[in-house]
Amino acid sequence: MPGLRGRVSRWQRLRYQGVDGDGQPVDRCVEGFHARVVQHECDHLDGVLFPDRLSDHTAFGFIPELETAGLIPTVPA
């Protein structure tokens, strides 16, 4: 959703397992941004979009409005 942001709770660290495109096993422990991305992409596989996971609906909206309201940090131009 271009231009929209919201606060979504995510685990900071996680482990995921599966197989890659060649059928080889994958077993990884990740943290930080990588962990957030994995959870975001798994949500897509389950048909879940980030607005479905909002922890605070007052902090969801277009970036300029959220910055003006002080709900998210201002991004340098």
Protein backbone atom coordinates (compact mmCIF):
# COMPACT_ATOMS: atom_id res chain seq x y z
CA MET A 1 0.00 0.00 0.00
CA PRO A 2 2.17 2.84 -1.25
CA GLY A 3 2.38 5.82 1.07
CA LEU A 4 0.60 4.13 3.99
CA ARG A 5 2.23 3.18 7.26
CA GLY A 6 1.07 1.55 10.46
CA ARG A 7 2.44 0.08 13.67
CA VAL A 8 2.50 -3.72 13.55
CA SER A 9 3.84 -5.92 16.37
CA ARG A 10 6.32 -8.55 15.20
CA TRP A 11 8.64 -11.05 16.86
CA GLN A 12 12.23 -9.74 17.04
CA ARG A 13 13.79 -13.18 16.46
CA LEU A 14 12.46 -16.31 14.80
CA ARG A 15 13.40 -19.62 13.27
CA TYR A 16 11.99 -20.88 10.00
CA GLN A 17 12.33 -24.20 8.26
CA GLY A 18 11.39 -25.48 4.83
CA VAL A 19 12.89 -26.44 1.50
CA ASP A 20 14.37 -24.21 -1.20
CA GLY A 21 13.59 -24.27 -4.93
CA ASP A 22 15.95 -27.22 -5.41
CA GLY A 23 14.34 -29.25 -2.63
CA GLN A 24 17.23 -28.67 -0.23
CA PRO A 25 16.39 -28.17 3.44
CA VAL A 26 16.47 -24.65 4.87
CA ASP A 27 16.72 -24.02 8.61
CA ARG A 28 17.46 -20.43 9.64
CA CYS A 29 17.37 -18.29 12.75
CA VAL A 30 16.99 -14.58 11.96
CA GLU A 31 16.43 -11.36 13.88
CA GLY A 32 15.68 -7.68 13.42
CA PHE A 33 14.62 -6.45 10.01
CA HIS A 34 15.10 -9.90 8.41
CA ALA A 35 12.67 -11.39 10.96
CA ARG A 36 10.11 -8.64 10.22
CA VAL A 37 10.35 -9.28 6.47
CA VAL A 38 9.90 -13.05 6.90
CA GLN A 39 6.76 -12.50 9.00
CA HIS A 40 5.42 -9.95 6.51
CA GLU A 41 5.91 -12.33 3.58
CA CYS A 42 4.42 -15.29 5.48
CA ASP A 43 1.37 -13.11 6.14
CA HIS A 44 1.03 -12.61 2.37
CA LEU A 45 1.08 -16.39 1.85
CA ASP A 46 -1.81 -16.60 4.31
CA GLY A 47 -3.72 -13.76 2.62
CA VAL A 48 -3.07 -11.31 5.47
CA LEU A 49 -2.17 -7.65 4.78
CA PHE A 50 -0.41 -5.44 7.30
CA PRO A 51 -3.56 -3.39 8.14
CA ASP A 52 -5.06 -6.66 9.45
CA ARG A 53 -2.26 -6.77 12.04
CA LEU A 54 -2.38 -3.16 13.26
CA SER A 55 -1.86 -2.87 17.00
CA ASP A 56 -3.01 0.78 17.07
CA HIS A 57 -5.46 1.99 14.43
CA THR A 58 -4.79 5.64 15.34
CA ALA A 59 -1.23 5.22 14.03
CA PHE A 60 -2.33 4.08 10.56
CA GLY A 61 -2.47 6.46 7.64
CA PHE A 62 -0.54 8.33 5.00
CA ILE A 63 3.07 9.17 5.83
CA PRO A 64 2.79 13.02 5.73
CA GLU A 65 -0.21 13.04 8.10
CA LEU A 66 1.45 10.61 10.52
CA GLU A 67 4.66 12.69 10.49
CA THR A 68 2.72 15.91 11.12
CA ALA A 69 0.87 14.29 14.02
CA GLY A 70 4.21 13.08 15.46
CA LEU A 71 3.12 9.44 15.27
CA ILE A 72 6.12 8.42 13.14
CA PRO A 73 9.53 10.03 12.73
CA THR A 74 9.97 12.44 9.86
CA VAL A 75 11.88 10.88 6.97
CA PRO A 76 14.58 13.18 5.53
CA ALA A 77 13.91 14.21 1.93
